[in-house]
Amino acid sequence: MKIYTKTGDKGETALYGGTRVSKASARVESYGTIDELNSFIGVAKCEIIEEEILNQLRKIQFDLFTVGSESATPTDKLTLANGKSRLALMITDTEIEELENWMDAFEKELEPLQYFILPGGGKSATALHVCRTVCRRAERSLVFLGESEEVRPELIKYLNRLSDYLFVLARYVSKINGETEEYWNPNDR
């Protein structure tokens, strides 16, 4: 099977369900940014050796494919004629709670925050901070899409929680790697 189809040569793409839209549409921007986030998480994994963290990040990448597939599907195309979902998987509160549980475990090992943290702290932590900012952009793009089309709230909630997780994980990775966090403290100018 060839990877190229030539069907997008005029700036359009097909959504899941067959609808054709501009590649500049809010929906395409949304699932494209989720794909970008997934790729950056792959980059971050290259800098991490702790198996528990790698397993969590693998699960998150899997979940991001689920978020992306739903983001690529107009709500009116989610349900088939027989009432079943077109998608095999959808994000639920279970995945959101999983992120919360992982964060809670990491935060037990960290000093409480007193100042904003400057992104950095070594290659792995810095890569995770990049993931966090791309995740925030993905969340904003889904919120923007939701202003004109229906978006299930669980998707936005998942990305919101994921960005928090990536922040906590960056701090945790800095700690276990013995890297110093740098703070933005306006009083230290």
N, C-alpha and C. Protein backbone atom coordinates (compact mmCIF):
# COMPACT_ATOMS: atom_id res chain seq x y z
N MET A 1 0.84 -1.18 0.00
CA MET A 1 0.00 0.00 0.00
C MET A 1 0.88 1.24 0.00
N LYS A 2 0.57 2.17 -0.86
CA LYS A 2 1.33 3.42 -0.91
C LYS A 2 0.88 4.35 0.20
N ILE A 3 1.84 5.09 0.75
CA ILE A 3 1.53 6.02 1.83
C ILE A 3 0.87 7.29 1.29
N TYR A 4 1.17 7.63 0.06
CA TYR A 4 0.57 8.85 -0.50
C TYR A 4 -0.67 8.51 -1.29
N THR A 5 -1.69 9.39 -1.14
CA THR A 5 -2.97 9.17 -1.83
C THR A 5 -3.29 10.29 -2.82
N LYS A 6 -2.64 11.42 -2.65
CA LYS A 6 -2.84 12.62 -3.47
C LYS A 6 -4.20 13.28 -3.23
N THR A 7 -4.99 12.75 -2.30
CA THR A 7 -6.32 13.32 -2.06
C THR A 7 -6.25 14.64 -1.28
N GLY A 8 -5.10 14.94 -0.69
CA GLY A 8 -4.96 16.18 0.06
C GLY A 8 -4.20 17.25 -0.67
N ASP A 9 -3.93 17.04 -1.93
CA ASP A 9 -3.11 17.97 -2.71
C ASP A 9 -3.73 19.36 -2.87
N LYS A 10 -5.02 19.47 -2.64
CA LYS A 10 -5.68 20.77 -2.79
C LYS A 10 -6.03 21.39 -1.45
N GLY A 11 -5.36 20.91 -0.38
CA GLY A 11 -5.54 21.53 0.93
C GLY A 11 -6.73 21.03 1.71
N GLU A 12 -7.24 19.86 1.35
CA GLU A 12 -8.35 19.28 2.10
C GLU A 12 -7.94 17.90 2.60
N THR A 13 -8.64 17.43 3.62
CA THR A 13 -8.40 16.10 4.15
C THR A 13 -9.74 15.50 4.55
N ALA A 14 -9.76 14.19 4.69
CA ALA A 14 -10.99 13.50 5.12
C ALA A 14 -10.93 13.24 6.61
N LEU A 15 -12.01 13.56 7.28
CA LEU A 15 -12.15 13.22 8.70
C LEU A 15 -12.62 11.78 8.81
N TYR A 16 -12.51 11.24 10.00
CA TYR A 16 -13.03 9.91 10.25
C TYR A 16 -14.53 9.97 10.03
N GLY A 17 -15.06 9.16 9.15
CA GLY A 17 -16.47 9.21 8.79
C GLY A 17 -16.68 9.72 7.39
N GLY A 18 -15.60 10.27 6.77
CA GLY A 18 -15.66 10.62 5.36
C GLY A 18 -15.80 12.08 5.01
N THR A 19 -16.22 12.93 5.95
CA THR A 19 -16.38 14.35 5.66
C THR A 19 -15.05 14.96 5.24
N ARG A 20 -15.05 15.75 4.18
CA ARG A 20 -13.83 16.44 3.73
C ARG A 20 -13.85 17.86 4.25
N VAL A 21 -12.70 18.30 4.79
CA VAL A 21 -12.58 19.65 5.34
C VAL A 21 -11.22 20.24 4.95
N SER A 22 -11.11 21.54 5.10
CA SER A 22 -9.84 22.23 4.87
C SER A 22 -8.82 21.76 5.90
N LYS A 23 -7.58 21.63 5.47
CA LYS A 23 -6.51 21.29 6.40
C LYS A 23 -6.25 22.41 7.41
N ALA A 24 -6.84 23.57 7.18
CA ALA A 24 -6.71 24.70 8.10
C ALA A 24 -7.89 24.77 9.08
N SER A 25 -8.76 23.78 9.07
CA SER A 25 -9.93 23.82 9.95
C SER A 25 -9.52 23.65 11.41
N ALA A 26 -10.39 24.10 12.30
CA ALA A 26 -10.12 23.98 13.74
C ALA A 26 -9.99 22.52 14.15
N ARG A 27 -10.76 21.64 13.53
CA ARG A 27 -10.69 20.23 13.88
C ARG A 27 -9.35 19.62 13.48
N VAL A 28 -8.88 19.93 12.29
CA VAL A 28 -7.59 19.39 11.83
C VAL A 28 -6.46 19.97 12.67
N GLU A 29 -6.54 21.25 12.99
CA GLU A 29 -5.54 21.87 13.87
C GLU A 29 -5.51 21.16 15.21
N SER A 30 -6.67 20.82 15.71
CA SER A 30 -6.78 20.18 17.01
C SER A 30 -6.11 18.80 17.02
N TYR A 31 -6.52 17.92 16.10
CA TYR A 31 -5.92 16.59 16.15
C TYR A 31 -4.48 16.60 15.66
N GLY A 32 -4.10 17.59 14.85
CA GLY A 32 -2.70 17.73 14.45
C GLY A 32 -1.81 18.10 15.63
N THR A 33 -2.31 18.96 16.49
CA THR A 33 -1.53 19.36 17.68
C THR A 33 -1.43 18.21 18.67
N ILE A 34 -2.48 17.41 18.76
CA ILE A 34 -2.43 16.21 19.62
C ILE A 34 -1.39 15.24 19.08
N ASP A 35 -1.31 15.09 17.77
CA ASP A 35 -0.30 14.24 17.15
C ASP A 35 1.10 14.78 17.43
N GLU A 36 1.25 16.09 17.33
CA GLU A 36 2.54 16.73 17.63
C GLU A 36 2.94 16.45 19.09
N LEU A 37 2.00 16.57 20.01
CA LEU A 37 2.27 16.28 21.41
C LEU A 37 2.74 14.83 21.57
N ASN A 38 2.07 13.92 20.91
CA ASN A 38 2.44 12.51 21.00
C ASN A 38 3.89 12.30 20.52
N SER A 39 4.26 13.01 19.45
CA SER A 39 5.63 12.90 18.94
C SER A 39 6.64 13.46 19.93
N PHE A 40 6.31 14.58 20.56
CA PHE A 40 7.23 15.16 21.55
C PHE A 40 7.36 14.25 22.77
N ILE A 41 6.30 13.56 23.14
CA ILE A 41 6.42 12.59 24.24
C ILE A 41 7.38 11.48 23.84
N GLY A 42 7.35 11.09 22.57
CA GLY A 42 8.33 10.11 22.08
C GLY A 42 9.75 10.62 22.22
N VAL A 43 9.96 11.90 21.95
CA VAL A 43 11.29 12.50 22.13
C VAL A 43 11.68 12.46 23.61
N ALA A 44 10.76 12.83 24.49
CA ALA A 44 11.05 12.84 25.92
C ALA A 44 11.41 11.43 26.41
N LYS A 45 10.73 10.41 25.88
CA LYS A 45 11.03 9.04 26.29
C LYS A 45 12.47 8.64 25.99
N CYS A 46 13.06 9.24 24.96
CA CYS A 46 14.45 8.92 24.60
C CYS A 46 15.43 9.36 25.69
N GLU A 47 15.00 10.27 26.55
CA GLU A 47 15.87 10.80 27.60
C GLU A 47 15.59 10.20 28.97
N ILE A 48 14.65 9.28 29.05
CA ILE A 48 14.22 8.73 30.34
C ILE A 48 14.56 7.25 30.40
N ILE A 49 15.06 6.81 31.55
CA ILE A 49 15.42 5.40 31.69
C ILE A 49 14.55 4.65 32.71
N GLU A 50 13.81 5.35 33.55
CA GLU A 50 13.00 4.72 34.59
C GLU A 50 11.81 4.00 33.95
N GLU A 51 11.74 2.70 34.15
CA GLU A 51 10.73 1.88 33.49
C GLU A 51 9.30 2.27 33.86
N GLU A 52 9.07 2.62 35.13
CA GLU A 52 7.73 3.02 35.56
C GLU A 52 7.26 4.25 34.78
N ILE A 53 8.14 5.22 34.63
CA ILE A 53 7.79 6.44 33.89
C ILE A 53 7.60 6.13 32.42
N LEU A 54 8.46 5.31 31.85
CA LEU A 54 8.31 4.94 30.45
C LEU A 54 6.98 4.23 30.20
N ASN A 55 6.57 3.37 31.13
CA ASN A 55 5.29 2.68 30.99
C ASN A 55 4.13 3.68 31.03
N GLN A 56 4.23 4.65 31.92
CA GLN A 56 3.18 5.69 31.98
C GLN A 56 3.13 6.48 30.68
N LEU A 57 4.29 6.86 30.16
CA LEU A 57 4.33 7.64 28.93
C LEU A 57 3.82 6.83 27.74
N ARG A 58 4.11 5.53 27.71
CA ARG A 58 3.56 4.67 26.65
C ARG A 58 2.04 4.65 26.71
N LYS A 59 1.50 4.52 27.92
CA LYS A 59 0.05 4.53 28.10
C LYS A 59 -0.54 5.86 27.66
N ILE A 60 0.12 6.94 27.99
CA ILE A 60 -0.34 8.27 27.59
C ILE A 60 -0.32 8.39 26.06
N GLN A 61 0.72 7.89 25.42
CA GLN A 61 0.76 7.94 23.95
C GLN A 61 -0.41 7.16 23.36
N PHE A 62 -0.70 6.02 23.93
CA PHE A 62 -1.85 5.24 23.48
C PHE A 62 -3.13 6.07 23.65
N ASP A 63 -3.29 6.68 24.83
CA ASP A 63 -4.48 7.49 25.10
C ASP A 63 -4.56 8.70 24.17
N LEU A 64 -3.42 9.27 23.81
CA LEU A 64 -3.44 10.41 22.89
C LEU A 64 -3.91 10.00 21.50
N PHE A 65 -3.62 8.78 21.08
CA PHE A 65 -4.20 8.30 19.83
C PHE A 65 -5.72 8.22 19.94
N THR A 66 -6.20 7.82 21.11
CA THR A 66 -7.64 7.77 21.35
C THR A 66 -8.23 9.18 21.30
N VAL A 67 -7.58 10.14 21.97
CA VAL A 67 -8.04 11.54 21.94
C VAL A 67 -8.02 12.06 20.51
N GLY A 68 -6.94 11.77 19.79
CA GLY A 68 -6.81 12.24 18.41
C GLY A 68 -7.86 11.66 17.49
N SER A 69 -8.17 10.37 17.66
CA SER A 69 -9.18 9.76 16.78
C SER A 69 -10.55 10.36 17.04
N GLU A 70 -10.85 10.64 18.30
CA GLU A 70 -12.13 11.28 18.57
C GLU A 70 -12.14 12.73 18.08
N SER A 71 -11.02 13.40 18.22
CA SER A 71 -10.94 14.78 17.73
C SER A 71 -11.09 14.85 16.22
N ALA A 72 -10.72 13.78 15.53
CA ALA A 72 -10.82 13.73 14.07
C ALA A 72 -12.19 13.28 13.59
N THR A 73 -13.10 13.06 14.53
CA THR A 73 -14.42 12.56 14.18
C THR A 73 -15.49 13.57 14.57
N PRO A 74 -16.20 14.13 13.60
CA PRO A 74 -17.31 15.03 13.95
C PRO A 74 -18.31 14.30 14.84
N THR A 75 -18.86 14.99 15.81
CA THR A 75 -19.76 14.38 16.79
C THR A 75 -20.92 13.67 16.12
N ASP A 76 -21.44 14.23 15.02
CA ASP A 76 -22.57 13.58 14.35
C ASP A 76 -22.16 12.28 13.65
N LYS A 77 -20.87 12.02 13.56
CA LYS A 77 -20.38 10.78 12.93
C LYS A 77 -19.90 9.76 13.98
N LEU A 78 -19.95 10.12 15.27
CA LEU A 78 -19.47 9.23 16.33
C LEU A 78 -20.33 7.98 16.48
N THR A 79 -21.62 8.12 16.26
CA THR A 79 -22.54 7.02 16.48
C THR A 79 -22.99 6.42 15.16
N LEU A 80 -22.90 5.10 15.07
CA LEU A 80 -23.34 4.37 13.89
C LEU A 80 -24.87 4.21 13.92
N ALA A 81 -25.42 3.74 12.83
CA ALA A 81 -26.88 3.57 12.71
C ALA A 81 -27.43 2.65 13.79
N ASN A 82 -26.64 1.67 14.22
CA ASN A 82 -27.10 0.73 15.24
C ASN A 82 -26.96 1.27 16.67
N GLY A 83 -26.51 2.54 16.79
CA GLY A 83 -26.39 3.18 18.10
C GLY A 83 -25.05 2.98 18.78
N LYS A 84 -24.17 2.17 18.18
CA LYS A 84 -22.84 1.94 18.76
C LYS A 84 -21.89 3.02 18.31
N SER A 85 -20.82 3.19 19.09
CA SER A 85 -19.81 4.19 18.75
C SER A 85 -19.00 3.72 17.55
N ARG A 86 -18.66 4.65 16.68
CA ARG A 86 -17.79 4.37 15.54
C ARG A 86 -16.39 4.04 16.04
N LEU A 87 -16.03 4.60 17.19
CA LEU A 87 -14.68 4.43 17.72
C LEU A 87 -14.63 3.27 18.70
N ALA A 88 -13.56 2.51 18.63
CA ALA A 88 -13.39 1.38 19.54
C ALA A 88 -13.15 1.85 20.97
N LEU A 89 -12.50 2.99 21.13
CA LEU A 89 -12.15 3.51 22.46
C LEU A 89 -12.48 4.99 22.54
N MET A 90 -12.82 5.43 23.74
CA MET A 90 -13.03 6.85 24.01
C MET A 90 -12.45 7.15 25.40
N ILE A 91 -11.95 8.34 25.58
CA ILE A 91 -11.40 8.76 26.87
C ILE A 91 -12.54 8.91 27.87
N THR A 92 -12.31 8.37 29.07
CA THR A 92 -13.30 8.46 30.14
C THR A 92 -12.65 9.00 31.40
N ASP A 93 -13.43 9.10 32.46
CA ASP A 93 -12.89 9.54 33.74
C ASP A 93 -11.81 8.60 34.26
N THR A 94 -11.82 7.36 33.81
CA THR A 94 -10.80 6.38 34.24
C THR A 94 -9.40 6.84 33.87
N GLU A 95 -9.22 7.30 32.63
CA GLU A 95 -7.90 7.76 32.17
C GLU A 95 -7.50 9.06 32.88
N ILE A 96 -8.48 9.90 33.16
CA ILE A 96 -8.20 11.16 33.86
C ILE A 96 -7.77 10.88 35.29
N GLU A 97 -8.47 9.97 35.96
CA GLU A 97 -8.11 9.59 37.33
C GLU A 97 -6.74 8.91 37.38
N GLU A 98 -6.40 8.16 36.35
CA GLU A 98 -5.09 7.52 36.29
C GLU A 98 -3.99 8.58 36.32
N LEU A 99 -4.15 9.65 35.53
CA LEU A 99 -3.18 10.74 35.54
C LEU A 99 -3.09 11.37 36.93
N GLU A 100 -4.23 11.57 37.56
CA GLU A 100 -4.26 12.17 38.90
C GLU A 100 -3.52 11.29 39.91
N ASN A 101 -3.73 9.99 39.83
CA ASN A 101 -3.06 9.07 40.76
C ASN A 101 -1.55 9.09 40.56
N TRP A 102 -1.11 9.10 39.31
CA TRP A 102 0.33 9.16 39.04
C TRP A 102 0.91 10.46 39.58
N MET A 103 0.19 11.57 39.35
CA MET A 103 0.67 12.87 39.85
C MET A 103 0.77 12.88 41.36
N ASP A 104 -0.25 12.37 42.02
CA ASP A 104 -0.26 12.35 43.48
C ASP A 104 0.95 11.59 44.02
N ALA A 105 1.29 10.48 43.40
CA ALA A 105 2.44 9.69 43.84
C ALA A 105 3.75 10.47 43.66
N PHE A 106 3.91 11.15 42.52
CA PHE A 106 5.12 11.93 42.29
C PHE A 106 5.22 13.12 43.24
N GLU A 107 4.07 13.79 43.47
CA GLU A 107 4.09 14.99 44.30
C GLU A 107 4.48 14.69 45.74
N LYS A 108 4.23 13.47 46.22
CA LYS A 108 4.63 13.09 47.57
C LYS A 108 6.14 13.16 47.74
N GLU A 109 6.86 13.05 46.63
CA GLU A 109 8.33 13.05 46.66
C GLU A 109 8.93 14.44 46.44
N LEU A 110 8.09 15.44 46.18
CA LEU A 110 8.58 16.77 45.79
C LEU A 110 8.36 17.80 46.88
N GLU A 111 9.24 18.79 46.90
CA GLU A 111 9.04 19.94 47.78
C GLU A 111 7.86 20.75 47.26
N PRO A 112 7.08 21.34 48.16
CA PRO A 112 5.98 22.19 47.70
C PRO A 112 6.51 23.38 46.89
N LEU A 113 5.72 23.79 45.91
CA LEU A 113 6.10 24.93 45.07
C LEU A 113 5.97 26.23 45.85
N GLN A 114 6.96 27.10 45.71
CA GLN A 114 6.88 28.44 46.29
C GLN A 114 6.97 29.50 45.21
N TYR A 115 7.56 29.13 44.06
CA TYR A 115 7.75 30.07 42.95
C TYR A 115 7.47 29.33 41.65
N PHE A 116 7.31 30.10 40.59
CA PHE A 116 7.22 29.49 39.27
C PHE A 116 8.56 28.87 38.93
N ILE A 117 8.51 27.78 38.18
CA ILE A 117 9.73 27.08 37.78
C ILE A 117 10.06 27.43 36.34
N LEU A 118 11.32 27.75 36.10
CA LEU A 118 11.76 27.99 34.73
C LEU A 118 11.90 26.64 34.03
N PRO A 119 11.39 26.50 32.81
CA PRO A 119 11.54 25.22 32.10
C PRO A 119 13.02 24.88 31.94
N GLY A 120 13.38 23.69 32.32
CA GLY A 120 14.77 23.24 32.26
C GLY A 120 14.97 22.11 33.24
N GLY A 121 16.20 21.95 33.70
CA GLY A 121 16.50 20.92 34.68
C GLY A 121 17.09 19.66 34.08
N GLY A 122 17.73 19.75 32.95
CA GLY A 122 18.29 18.58 32.30
C GLY A 122 17.48 18.23 31.06
N LYS A 123 18.03 17.33 30.25
CA LYS A 123 17.39 17.00 28.97
C LYS A 123 16.00 16.39 29.14
N SER A 124 15.86 15.45 30.05
CA SER A 124 14.56 14.79 30.19
C SER A 124 13.51 15.75 30.73
N ALA A 125 13.85 16.52 31.75
CA ALA A 125 12.89 17.47 32.32
C ALA A 125 12.54 18.55 31.30
N THR A 126 13.53 19.03 30.57
CA THR A 126 13.26 20.07 29.56
C THR A 126 12.35 19.52 28.47
N ALA A 127 12.58 18.29 28.04
CA ALA A 127 11.72 17.68 27.03
C ALA A 127 10.29 17.56 27.55
N LEU A 128 10.13 17.24 28.82
CA LEU A 128 8.80 17.14 29.40
C LEU A 128 8.13 18.51 29.51
N HIS A 129 8.91 19.55 29.77
CA HIS A 129 8.34 20.91 29.78
C HIS A 129 7.85 21.30 28.38
N VAL A 130 8.60 20.91 27.35
CA VAL A 130 8.14 21.17 25.98
C VAL A 130 6.82 20.42 25.75
N CYS A 131 6.75 19.17 26.18
CA CYS A 131 5.50 18.40 26.05
C CYS A 131 4.36 19.12 26.76
N ARG A 132 4.63 19.66 27.93
CA ARG A 132 3.59 20.36 28.70
C ARG A 132 3.04 21.56 27.92
N THR A 133 3.94 22.32 27.29
CA THR A 133 3.47 23.50 26.56
C THR A 133 2.72 23.12 25.29
N VAL A 134 3.15 22.06 24.63
CA VAL A 134 2.42 21.59 23.45
C VAL A 134 1.06 21.04 23.88
N CYS A 135 1.01 20.38 25.03
CA CYS A 135 -0.25 19.88 25.56
C CYS A 135 -1.21 21.03 25.83
N ARG A 136 -0.71 22.12 26.40
CA ARG A 136 -1.57 23.29 26.64
C ARG A 136 -2.11 23.85 25.32
N ARG A 137 -1.27 23.84 24.30
CA ARG A 137 -1.73 24.32 22.98
C ARG A 137 -2.80 23.38 22.42
N ALA A 138 -2.61 22.08 22.59
CA ALA A 138 -3.61 21.11 22.14
C ALA A 138 -4.93 21.34 22.88
N GLU A 139 -4.83 21.60 24.16
CA GLU A 139 -6.03 21.88 24.95
C GLU A 139 -6.74 23.15 24.43
N ARG A 140 -5.96 24.20 24.18
CA ARG A 140 -6.55 25.44 23.66
C ARG A 140 -7.21 25.19 22.31
N SER A 141 -6.59 24.36 21.47
CA SER A 141 -7.18 24.12 20.15
C SER A 141 -8.49 23.35 20.27
N LEU A 142 -8.58 22.44 21.24
CA LEU A 142 -9.84 21.72 21.44
C LEU A 142 -10.92 22.66 21.99
N VAL A 143 -10.53 23.55 22.89
CA VAL A 143 -11.48 24.54 23.42
C VAL A 143 -11.98 25.42 22.27
N PHE A 144 -11.06 25.84 21.40
CA PHE A 144 -11.45 26.66 20.24
C PHE A 144 -12.41 25.89 19.33
N LEU A 145 -12.11 24.63 19.07
CA LEU A 145 -13.00 23.80 18.27
C LEU A 145 -14.38 23.72 18.93
N GLY A 146 -14.39 23.60 20.26
CA GLY A 146 -15.63 23.50 21.00
C GLY A 146 -16.50 24.75 20.93
N GLU A 147 -15.92 25.86 20.50
CA GLU A 147 -16.72 27.08 20.34
C GLU A 147 -17.61 27.03 19.10
N SER A 148 -17.28 26.16 18.16
CA SER A 148 -18.09 26.07 16.93
C SER A 148 -18.67 24.68 16.70
N GLU A 149 -18.08 23.66 17.31
CA GLU A 149 -18.57 22.29 17.16
C GLU A 149 -18.55 21.61 18.52
N GLU A 150 -19.35 20.58 18.64
CA GLU A 150 -19.40 19.86 19.92
C GLU A 150 -18.11 19.07 20.15
N VAL A 151 -17.58 19.21 21.37
CA VAL A 151 -16.41 18.44 21.81
C VAL A 151 -16.77 17.85 23.17
N ARG A 152 -16.58 16.56 23.31
CA ARG A 152 -16.87 15.95 24.62
C ARG A 152 -15.96 16.56 25.68
N PRO A 153 -16.52 16.96 26.82
CA PRO A 153 -15.72 17.62 27.86
C PRO A 153 -14.59 16.75 28.39
N GLU A 154 -14.73 15.44 28.32
CA GLU A 154 -13.68 14.55 28.82
C GLU A 154 -12.36 14.75 28.07
N LEU A 155 -12.44 15.12 26.80
CA LEU A 155 -11.20 15.32 26.02
C LEU A 155 -10.43 16.53 26.54
N ILE A 156 -11.15 17.61 26.78
CA ILE A 156 -10.51 18.83 27.29
C ILE A 156 -9.98 18.58 28.70
N LYS A 157 -10.78 17.91 29.50
CA LYS A 157 -10.37 17.60 30.88
C LYS A 157 -9.11 16.73 30.87
N TYR A 158 -9.06 15.74 29.97
CA TYR A 158 -7.89 14.86 29.89
C TYR A 158 -6.64 15.67 29.55
N LEU A 159 -6.72 16.54 28.55
CA LEU A 159 -5.54 17.32 28.17
C LEU A 159 -5.14 18.30 29.27
N ASN A 160 -6.12 18.86 29.96
CA ASN A 160 -5.82 19.76 31.07
C ASN A 160 -5.05 19.00 32.16
N ARG A 161 -5.53 17.82 32.51
CA ARG A 161 -4.86 17.03 33.53
C ARG A 161 -3.51 16.53 33.05
N LEU A 162 -3.42 16.19 31.76
CA LEU A 162 -2.15 15.72 31.22
C LEU A 162 -1.07 16.80 31.30
N SER A 163 -1.42 18.04 31.04
CA SER A 163 -0.41 19.10 31.13
C SER A 163 0.07 19.25 32.57
N ASP A 164 -0.84 19.10 33.54
CA ASP A 164 -0.43 19.12 34.95
C ASP A 164 0.51 17.95 35.25
N TYR A 165 0.15 16.77 34.75
CA TYR A 165 0.99 15.59 34.95
C TYR A 165 2.39 15.82 34.38
N LEU A 166 2.47 16.36 33.18
CA LEU A 166 3.78 16.58 32.54
C LEU A 166 4.62 17.57 33.35
N PHE A 167 3.98 18.57 33.94
CA PHE A 167 4.69 19.52 34.80
C PHE A 167 5.25 18.81 36.04
N VAL A 168 4.40 18.05 36.71
CA VAL A 168 4.83 17.33 37.92
C VAL A 168 5.91 16.31 37.55
N LEU A 169 5.73 15.62 36.44
CA LEU A 169 6.73 14.64 36.02
C LEU A 169 8.07 15.31 35.73
N ALA A 170 8.06 16.47 35.09
CA ALA A 170 9.31 17.20 34.83
C ALA A 170 10.02 17.51 36.14
N ARG A 171 9.27 17.95 37.14
CA ARG A 171 9.86 18.23 38.45
C ARG A 171 10.42 16.95 39.08
N TYR A 172 9.66 15.87 39.00
CA TYR A 172 10.07 14.60 39.59
C TYR A 172 11.34 14.07 38.92
N VAL A 173 11.37 14.13 37.60
CA VAL A 173 12.54 13.66 36.86
C VAL A 173 13.77 14.50 37.22
N SER A 174 13.59 15.80 37.36
CA SER A 174 14.71 16.65 37.79
C SER A 174 15.24 16.18 39.14
N LYS A 175 14.31 15.88 40.04
CA LYS A 175 14.73 15.45 41.39
C LYS A 175 15.49 14.13 41.35
N ILE A 176 14.93 13.12 40.67
CA ILE A 176 15.60 11.81 40.70
C ILE A 176 16.91 11.82 39.93
N ASN A 177 17.06 12.77 39.01
CA ASN A 177 18.33 12.90 38.28
C ASN A 177 19.31 13.84 38.96
N GLY A 178 18.92 14.38 40.12
CA GLY A 178 19.80 15.27 40.86
C GLY A 178 20.02 16.62 40.18
N GLU A 179 19.05 17.06 39.41
CA GLU A 179 19.17 18.33 38.69
C GLU A 179 18.44 19.43 39.46
N THR A 180 19.03 20.58 39.50
CA THR A 180 18.47 21.70 40.25
C THR A 180 17.38 22.40 39.45
N GLU A 181 16.27 22.68 40.13
CA GLU A 181 15.22 23.48 39.52
C GLU A 181 15.59 24.95 39.65
N GLU A 182 15.30 25.69 38.60
CA GLU A 182 15.52 27.14 38.64
C GLU A 182 14.17 27.81 38.78
N TYR A 183 14.12 28.82 39.64
CA TYR A 183 12.85 29.48 39.94
C TYR A 183 12.80 30.87 39.35
N TRP A 184 11.58 31.27 39.02
CA TRP A 184 11.31 32.66 38.66
C TRP A 184 10.84 33.32 39.95
N ASN A 185 11.74 34.03 40.57
CA ASN A 185 11.45 34.72 41.80
C ASN A 185 11.64 36.20 41.56
N PRO A 186 10.58 36.98 41.47
CA PRO A 186 10.70 38.41 41.17
C PRO A 186 11.51 39.17 42.21
N ASN A 187 11.66 38.59 43.40
CA ASN A 187 12.40 39.26 44.46
C ASN A 187 13.91 39.09 44.32
N ASP A 188 14.34 38.20 43.45
CA ASP A 188 15.78 37.92 43.26
C ASP A 188 16.38 38.66 42.09
N ARG A 189 15.75 39.69 41.62
CA ARG A 189 16.25 40.42 40.46
C ARG A 189 17.47 41.19 40.74
